[in-house]
Amino acid sequence: MHCTLAAATHEPAARLAAELVDVAPDGLNRVFYSDNGSTSVEVALKIAFQYWQQNGRPDRKRFLALPGAYHGDTLGAMSVGDVDDFTRVFRPLLFDVQRPADAIDHRWEPVFENLLGRLRKDADQIAGVIVEPIVQGAAGMRMYPADLLKALREETKRADTLLIADEVFTGLGRTGPMWACDHASIAPDLLCTAKGLSGGVLPFSATLATDRIYDGFRGDKGRALMHGHTFCGNPIGAAVAREVLAIYRDDDILEAAKPKAARLAERIQHMIEIPGVTTPRSLGMCAAFEVGARGYMGTTGWQISDAALTLGAHLRPLGNTVYVVPPLNIEDGDLDRLLDIVREATEGVLVSAQ
């Protein structure tokens, strides 16, 4: 039976915490459980804000984020996400977040130069900087260089403010290494993980933090993190997450996925042979290409999705961004069949449109 993690604990939650810390980037030694990706981000934002409020820097109330960001659908997560057609109606409820202008022609250097400049200028007001490391999922599987993430980590250290890595989509081997942060050899102050953490079996998530942040909540009860949902740290969810991590270890999932990722990259690059396909790209077991403009509101990707469904594969495009993110342990034959369907459906729609 479930028991709320308040003045009580249980073995699956305790053991899972140790195992998460063992695979986390260096320094992330504390774990707070929740039940979905949005909430793991919401918790990270609350931790960052409350930490400064009760540790001598109450002027640090603002957050910086990237253009095109998506961090979830709760109000705090929407606030640090970029306002778009799906969040605009809630704008009056969201808190203000500063972010640079969007990248032009996939050039991310000016974006990060602007972000670093804002951080240098207003460090005493910044509670934290939140990013999706290396890959922006819902924005269209947009990818930026690892050296820019490394530069941001160095600047947050100089400013002595907190870097929040939203690894809900990118973590657990999706981009190759265990965490997308590993591409830049950095460790954030807070890390959010969900989705693959429970293998898609049960709702489960976690927010990892450093000892420094944890120690900032010691003292009387008024200094405790003011957050706690009923099913956070659910014992069955924790047990499933432990089994997922055991599969990663026992089956050496990251190593086994490397040839699959190479196959995925090769096949996606060949999609450029189809007239109308642009910008094929991949990183680890994440690949995407464009089939038109208008972003999330485009319709061509959905036509390809409909065609793929008749061929036996369910795709969920981001408007005119068609993407493929198969399981890391997908069988080779299934991967080839999936990619065959993607190609056949894309050719069918784009060729017929000419």
Protein backbone atom coordinates (compact mmCIF):
# COMPACT_ATOMS: atom_id res chain seq x y z
CA MET A 1 0.00 0.00 0.00
CA HIS A 2 1.10 3.55 -0.65
CA CYS A 3 2.19 5.78 2.20
CA THR A 4 2.91 9.46 1.73
CA LEU A 5 6.60 10.33 2.15
CA ALA A 6 5.95 12.56 5.15
CA ALA A 7 7.42 11.36 8.45
CA ALA A 8 7.60 7.93 6.78
CA THR A 9 9.55 6.18 4.06
CA HIS A 10 9.80 2.76 2.46
CA GLU A 11 12.49 0.54 0.99
CA PRO A 12 11.83 1.05 -2.76
CA ALA A 13 12.07 4.84 -2.44
CA ALA A 14 15.22 4.69 -0.34
CA ARG A 15 16.98 2.18 -2.59
CA LEU A 16 15.92 4.01 -5.77
CA ALA A 17 17.33 7.28 -4.43
CA ALA A 18 20.74 5.65 -3.94
CA GLU A 19 20.63 4.13 -7.42
CA LEU A 20 19.61 7.41 -9.06
CA VAL A 21 22.45 9.23 -7.33
CA ASP A 22 24.82 6.53 -8.54
CA VAL A 23 24.00 7.20 -12.23
CA ALA A 24 23.46 10.97 -11.92
CA PRO A 25 26.03 13.62 -12.85
CA ASP A 26 28.54 14.28 -10.09
CA GLY A 27 27.27 16.20 -7.10
CA LEU A 28 23.57 15.44 -7.46
CA ASN A 29 23.22 13.57 -4.18
CA ARG A 30 19.65 14.37 -3.10
CA VAL A 31 16.36 13.17 -4.58
CA PHE A 32 12.83 14.56 -4.43
CA TYR A 33 10.08 12.40 -5.95
CA SER A 34 7.03 13.43 -7.90
CA ASP A 35 4.83 11.80 -10.51
CA ASN A 36 5.32 13.47 -13.91
CA GLY A 37 7.75 15.61 -15.87
CA SER A 38 5.89 18.90 -15.44
CA THR A 39 5.86 18.45 -11.68
CA SER A 40 9.56 17.57 -11.57
CA VAL A 41 10.21 20.94 -13.24
CA GLU A 42 7.73 22.72 -10.99
CA VAL A 43 9.58 21.30 -7.98
CA ALA A 44 12.95 22.45 -9.35
CA LEU A 45 11.65 26.00 -9.82
CA LYS A 46 10.20 26.08 -6.30
CA ILE A 47 13.43 24.72 -4.85
CA ALA A 48 15.49 27.37 -6.63
CA PHE A 49 13.21 30.20 -5.59
CA GLN A 50 12.79 29.13 -1.96
CA TYR A 51 16.51 28.39 -1.59
CA TRP A 52 17.46 32.02 -2.25
CA GLN A 53 14.54 33.40 -0.23
CA GLN A 54 15.79 31.75 2.95
CA ASN A 55 19.54 31.84 2.33
CA GLY A 56 20.36 35.51 2.23
CA ARG A 57 19.56 36.54 -1.35
CA PRO A 58 15.83 37.28 -1.46
CA ASP A 59 16.20 39.52 -4.55
CA ARG A 60 16.85 36.44 -6.64
CA LYS A 61 13.31 35.91 -7.91
CA ARG A 62 13.67 35.65 -11.69
CA PHE A 63 14.45 32.86 -14.13
CA LEU A 64 16.18 32.78 -17.50
CA ALA A 65 15.29 30.28 -20.22
CA LEU A 66 15.84 29.54 -23.89
CA PRO A 67 13.60 30.49 -26.82
CA GLY A 68 11.38 27.66 -27.97
CA ALA A 69 11.59 26.03 -24.55
CA TYR A 70 9.01 23.50 -23.38
CA HIS A 71 9.07 22.34 -19.76
CA GLY A 72 5.55 21.09 -19.13
CA ASP A 73 1.93 22.14 -18.73
CA THR A 74 1.61 23.25 -15.10
CA LEU A 75 1.70 27.01 -14.52
CA GLY A 76 5.30 27.30 -13.39
CA ALA A 77 6.52 24.97 -16.12
CA MET A 78 4.52 26.92 -18.69
CA SER A 79 6.03 30.16 -17.41
CA VAL A 80 9.58 29.04 -18.15
CA GLY A 81 8.42 27.56 -21.45
CA ASP A 82 8.07 29.80 -24.47
CA VAL A 83 4.61 31.27 -24.96
CA ASP A 84 3.02 29.82 -28.10
CA ASP A 85 -0.36 28.92 -29.53
CA PHE A 86 -0.95 26.38 -26.78
CA THR A 87 -0.04 28.54 -23.79
CA ARG A 88 -1.00 32.04 -24.91
CA VAL A 89 -4.46 31.85 -23.35
CA PHE A 90 -2.83 31.35 -19.93
CA ARG A 91 -0.38 34.25 -20.28
CA PRO A 92 -2.09 36.42 -17.61
CA LEU A 93 -1.48 33.65 -15.05
CA LEU A 94 2.22 33.07 -15.85
CA PHE A 95 5.20 34.78 -14.21
CA ASP A 96 7.63 36.72 -16.40
CA VAL A 97 10.74 34.92 -17.63
CA GLN A 98 13.50 36.47 -19.70
CA ARG A 99 14.79 34.67 -22.76
CA PRO A 100 16.80 35.64 -25.87
CA ALA A 101 15.31 35.94 -29.34
CA ASP A 102 15.02 32.72 -31.28
CA ALA A 103 17.85 31.17 -33.26
CA ILE A 104 18.09 32.19 -36.93
CA ASP A 105 19.14 29.53 -39.44
CA HIS A 106 19.94 27.16 -36.57
CA ARG A 107 22.68 29.50 -35.32
CA TRP A 108 22.64 29.13 -31.54
CA GLU A 109 25.78 31.11 -30.71
CA PRO A 110 24.01 34.54 -30.67
CA VAL A 111 21.23 33.04 -28.54
CA PHE A 112 23.66 31.89 -25.86
CA GLU A 113 25.73 35.08 -26.07
CA ASN A 114 22.56 37.00 -25.25
CA LEU A 115 21.66 34.59 -22.46
CA LEU A 116 25.13 34.83 -20.90
CA GLY A 117 25.01 38.61 -21.17
CA ARG A 118 21.70 38.77 -19.30
CA LEU A 119 23.13 36.48 -16.63
CA ARG A 120 26.24 38.64 -16.15
CA LYS A 121 24.17 41.81 -15.99
CA ASP A 122 21.44 40.64 -13.62
CA ALA A 123 23.07 37.83 -11.65
CA ASP A 124 21.89 39.21 -8.31
CA GLN A 125 18.28 38.89 -9.47
CA ILE A 126 18.44 35.45 -11.12
CA ALA A 127 17.21 32.46 -9.10
CA GLY A 128 18.09 30.03 -11.85
CA VAL A 129 18.57 29.27 -15.54
CA ILE A 130 16.57 26.37 -16.95
CA VAL A 131 17.38 24.55 -20.19
CA GLU A 132 16.62 21.38 -22.07
CA PRO A 133 20.19 20.15 -22.54
CA ILE A 134 21.30 19.83 -26.18
CA VAL A 135 17.87 18.91 -27.62
CA GLN A 136 14.68 20.96 -27.43
CA GLY A 137 12.01 18.32 -27.84
CA ALA A 138 8.60 19.95 -28.29
CA ALA A 139 10.14 22.89 -30.19
CA GLY A 140 10.85 20.51 -33.04
CA MET A 141 13.79 18.34 -31.93
CA ARG A 142 16.09 21.35 -32.25
CA MET A 143 19.72 20.62 -31.36
CA TYR A 144 22.45 22.99 -30.22
CA PRO A 145 26.21 22.43 -29.67
CA ALA A 146 27.46 21.00 -26.40
CA ASP A 147 30.09 23.72 -25.99
CA LEU A 148 27.32 26.29 -25.57
CA LEU A 149 25.83 24.32 -22.67
CA LYS A 150 29.31 24.07 -21.14
CA ALA A 151 29.76 27.84 -21.43
CA LEU A 152 26.40 28.38 -19.72
CA ARG A 153 27.38 26.06 -16.85
CA GLU A 154 30.61 28.03 -16.36
CA GLU A 155 28.76 31.34 -16.35
CA THR A 156 26.16 30.15 -13.82
CA LYS A 157 29.05 29.11 -11.57
CA ARG A 158 30.66 32.54 -11.89
CA ALA A 159 27.32 34.18 -11.12
CA ASP A 160 26.75 31.71 -8.25
CA THR A 161 23.24 30.96 -9.44
CA LEU A 162 21.51 27.66 -10.17
CA LEU A 163 21.44 25.73 -13.44
CA ILE A 164 18.37 23.53 -13.89
CA ALA A 165 18.64 20.75 -16.49
CA ASP A 166 15.28 19.50 -17.70
CA GLU A 167 16.25 15.96 -18.75
CA VAL A 168 12.69 14.65 -18.80
CA PHE A 169 12.98 13.96 -22.54
CA THR A 170 16.74 13.90 -23.07
CA GLY A 171 17.78 11.77 -20.10
CA LEU A 172 18.26 8.04 -19.63
CA GLY A 173 20.23 7.54 -22.83
CA ARG A 174 17.91 9.20 -25.32
CA THR A 175 20.74 11.29 -26.85
CA GLY A 176 23.47 8.65 -26.38
CA PRO A 177 25.02 9.01 -22.92
CA MET A 178 22.95 8.57 -19.76
CA TRP A 179 22.26 12.31 -19.61
CA ALA A 180 22.38 14.96 -22.32
CA CYS A 181 24.46 17.02 -19.89
CA ASP A 182 27.19 14.41 -20.37
CA HIS A 183 27.77 15.70 -23.92
CA ALA A 184 29.16 18.86 -22.32
CA SER A 185 30.75 17.08 -19.34
CA ILE A 186 28.77 19.26 -16.93
CA ALA A 187 26.67 18.68 -13.83
CA PRO A 188 23.73 21.01 -13.12
CA ASP A 189 22.53 22.10 -9.69
CA LEU A 190 19.10 20.56 -10.28
CA LEU A 191 18.12 17.82 -12.71
CA CYS A 192 14.59 16.76 -13.66
CA THR A 193 13.88 13.22 -14.87
CA ALA A 194 10.69 11.34 -15.79
CA LYS A 195 9.28 9.56 -18.88
CA GLY A 196 11.77 6.71 -19.35
CA LEU A 197 12.46 6.57 -15.62
CA SER A 198 9.57 4.15 -15.19
CA GLY A 199 9.75 2.67 -18.67
CA GLY A 200 6.36 4.12 -19.54
CA VAL A 201 4.72 1.69 -17.11
CA LEU A 202 3.66 4.05 -14.30
CA PRO A 203 3.66 7.82 -13.63
CA PHE A 204 6.91 8.55 -11.81
CA SER A 205 9.53 11.31 -11.75
CA ALA A 206 12.29 12.82 -9.66
CA THR A 207 14.16 16.06 -9.15
CA LEU A 208 17.80 15.66 -8.15
CA ALA A 209 19.71 18.34 -6.23
CA THR A 210 23.13 19.03 -4.74
CA ASP A 211 24.01 18.83 -1.07
CA ARG A 212 24.42 22.60 -1.02
CA ILE A 213 20.80 23.10 -2.04
CA TYR A 214 19.58 20.41 0.36
CA ASP A 215 21.44 22.02 3.25
CA GLY A 216 19.71 25.32 2.46
CA PHE A 217 16.44 23.79 3.67
CA ARG A 218 17.71 22.60 7.05
CA GLY A 219 16.39 24.21 10.22
CA ASP A 220 12.91 24.66 11.59
CA LYS A 221 9.81 23.45 9.80
CA GLY A 222 9.29 26.83 8.15
CA ARG A 223 12.41 26.20 6.05
CA ALA A 224 11.20 22.90 4.59
CA LEU A 225 10.41 22.65 0.88
CA MET A 226 6.77 23.60 0.66
CA HIS A 227 5.75 20.89 -1.76
CA GLY A 228 4.32 17.40 -1.41
CA HIS A 229 1.76 15.49 -3.44
CA THR A 230 -0.01 12.40 -2.19
CA PHE A 231 1.52 9.89 -4.59
CA CYS A 232 5.06 11.26 -4.73
CA GLY A 233 7.49 8.36 -4.24
CA ASN A 234 4.83 5.71 -4.79
CA PRO A 235 6.39 2.36 -3.79
CA ILE A 236 5.23 0.49 -6.88
CA GLY A 237 6.46 3.30 -9.12
CA ALA A 238 9.78 3.32 -7.27
CA ALA A 239 10.09 -0.44 -7.64
CA VAL A 240 9.42 -0.20 -11.38
CA ALA A 241 12.00 2.60 -11.72
CA ARG A 242 14.54 0.42 -9.91
CA GLU A 243 13.84 -2.38 -12.38
CA VAL A 244 14.33 0.04 -15.28
CA LEU A 245 17.73 1.08 -13.93
CA ALA A 246 18.59 -2.60 -13.41
CA ILE A 247 17.82 -3.30 -17.08
CA TYR A 248 20.10 -0.41 -18.08
CA ARG A 249 22.88 -2.01 -16.02
CA ASP A 250 22.33 -5.69 -16.75
CA ASP A 251 21.65 -5.34 -20.48
CA ASP A 252 24.20 -2.54 -20.99
CA ILE A 253 21.50 -0.57 -22.76
CA LEU A 254 23.61 2.48 -23.62
CA GLU A 255 26.29 0.40 -25.34
CA ALA A 256 23.74 -1.82 -27.08
CA ALA A 257 21.95 1.24 -28.45
CA LYS A 258 25.02 2.65 -30.22
CA PRO A 259 24.73 0.59 -33.44
CA LYS A 260 20.99 1.23 -33.48
CA ALA A 261 21.63 4.96 -33.20
CA ALA A 262 24.12 4.75 -36.08
CA ARG A 263 21.52 2.94 -38.19
CA LEU A 264 18.89 5.53 -37.29
CA ALA A 265 21.25 8.39 -38.23
CA GLU A 266 22.12 6.79 -41.56
CA ARG A 267 18.50 6.19 -42.56
CA ILE A 268 17.35 9.64 -41.48
CA GLN A 269 20.12 11.33 -43.45
CA HIS A 270 18.93 9.50 -46.57
CA MET A 271 15.49 11.10 -46.15
CA ILE A 272 16.99 14.21 -47.80
CA GLU A 273 16.68 12.28 -51.08
CA ILE A 274 12.93 12.88 -50.96
CA PRO A 275 11.93 16.26 -52.52
CA GLY A 276 10.40 18.40 -49.77
CA VAL A 277 12.41 16.93 -46.89
CA THR A 278 14.88 19.30 -45.23
CA THR A 279 17.22 19.38 -42.21
CA PRO A 280 17.53 15.68 -41.35
CA ARG A 281 19.30 15.34 -38.00
CA SER A 282 19.88 12.84 -35.26
CA LEU A 283 21.53 12.43 -31.89
CA GLY A 284 21.53 9.07 -30.18
CA MET A 285 18.07 7.50 -30.49
CA CYS A 286 16.45 10.78 -31.47
CA ALA A 287 15.99 11.77 -35.12
CA ALA A 288 13.90 14.27 -37.03
CA PHE A 289 13.41 16.06 -40.35
CA GLU A 290 11.24 18.88 -41.69
CA VAL A 291 8.51 18.62 -44.34
CA GLY A 292 7.42 22.26 -44.47
CA ALA A 293 7.07 25.50 -42.54
CA ARG A 294 4.50 26.77 -39.99
CA GLY A 295 6.06 24.82 -37.14
CA TYR A 296 3.66 23.09 -34.79
CA MET A 297 0.60 24.27 -36.72
CA GLY A 298 1.76 22.72 -40.00
CA THR A 299 -0.37 19.94 -41.49
CA THR A 300 1.96 17.98 -43.76
CA GLY A 301 3.50 16.08 -40.86
CA TRP A 302 0.05 14.94 -39.81
CA GLN A 303 -0.68 13.71 -43.33
CA ILE A 304 2.48 11.62 -43.10
CA SER A 305 1.32 10.39 -39.71
CA ASP A 306 -2.00 9.28 -41.18
CA ALA A 307 -0.22 7.49 -44.01
CA ALA A 308 2.16 5.78 -41.59
CA LEU A 309 -0.74 4.56 -39.47
CA THR A 310 -2.22 2.69 -42.45
CA LEU A 311 1.20 1.03 -42.87
CA GLY A 312 1.38 -0.06 -39.25
CA ALA A 313 3.29 2.65 -37.35
CA HIS A 314 2.03 5.40 -35.08
CA LEU A 315 3.91 8.68 -35.52
CA ARG A 316 3.15 11.84 -33.57
CA PRO A 317 4.65 14.72 -35.54
CA LEU A 318 5.34 18.19 -34.16
CA GLY A 319 3.43 19.90 -36.95
CA ASN A 320 5.76 19.71 -39.94
CA THR A 321 8.57 18.17 -37.92
CA VAL A 322 8.51 14.40 -38.33
CA TYR A 323 10.52 12.71 -35.61
CA VAL A 324 11.46 9.17 -34.61
CA VAL A 325 12.42 8.33 -31.01
CA PRO A 326 12.22 4.53 -30.76
CA PRO A 327 12.97 2.57 -27.59
CA LEU A 328 16.68 2.24 -26.91
CA ASN A 329 16.32 -1.54 -26.89
CA ILE A 330 14.15 -1.83 -30.02
CA GLU A 331 14.87 -4.98 -32.01
CA ASP A 332 16.89 -4.32 -35.18
CA GLY A 333 14.18 -5.74 -37.42
CA ASP A 334 11.54 -3.55 -35.82
CA LEU A 335 13.75 -0.47 -36.20
CA ASP A 336 14.23 -1.16 -39.91
CA ARG A 337 10.50 -1.75 -40.38
CA LEU A 338 9.70 1.50 -38.58
CA LEU A 339 12.13 3.45 -40.74
CA ASP A 340 10.79 1.78 -43.89
CA ILE A 341 7.31 2.97 -42.95
CA VAL A 342 8.55 6.51 -42.23
CA ARG A 343 10.16 6.65 -45.66
CA GLU A 344 7.22 5.11 -47.52
CA ALA A 345 4.70 7.40 -45.81
CA THR A 346 6.80 10.50 -46.40
CA GLU A 347 7.38 9.68 -50.07
CA GLY A 348 3.70 8.94 -50.55
CA VAL A 349 2.56 12.30 -49.15
CA LEU A 350 5.26 14.58 -50.56
CA VAL A 351 5.41 13.04 -54.04
CA SER A 352 1.65 13.11 -54.42
CA ALA A 353 1.63 16.78 -53.41
CA GLN A 354 3.90 17.78 -56.30
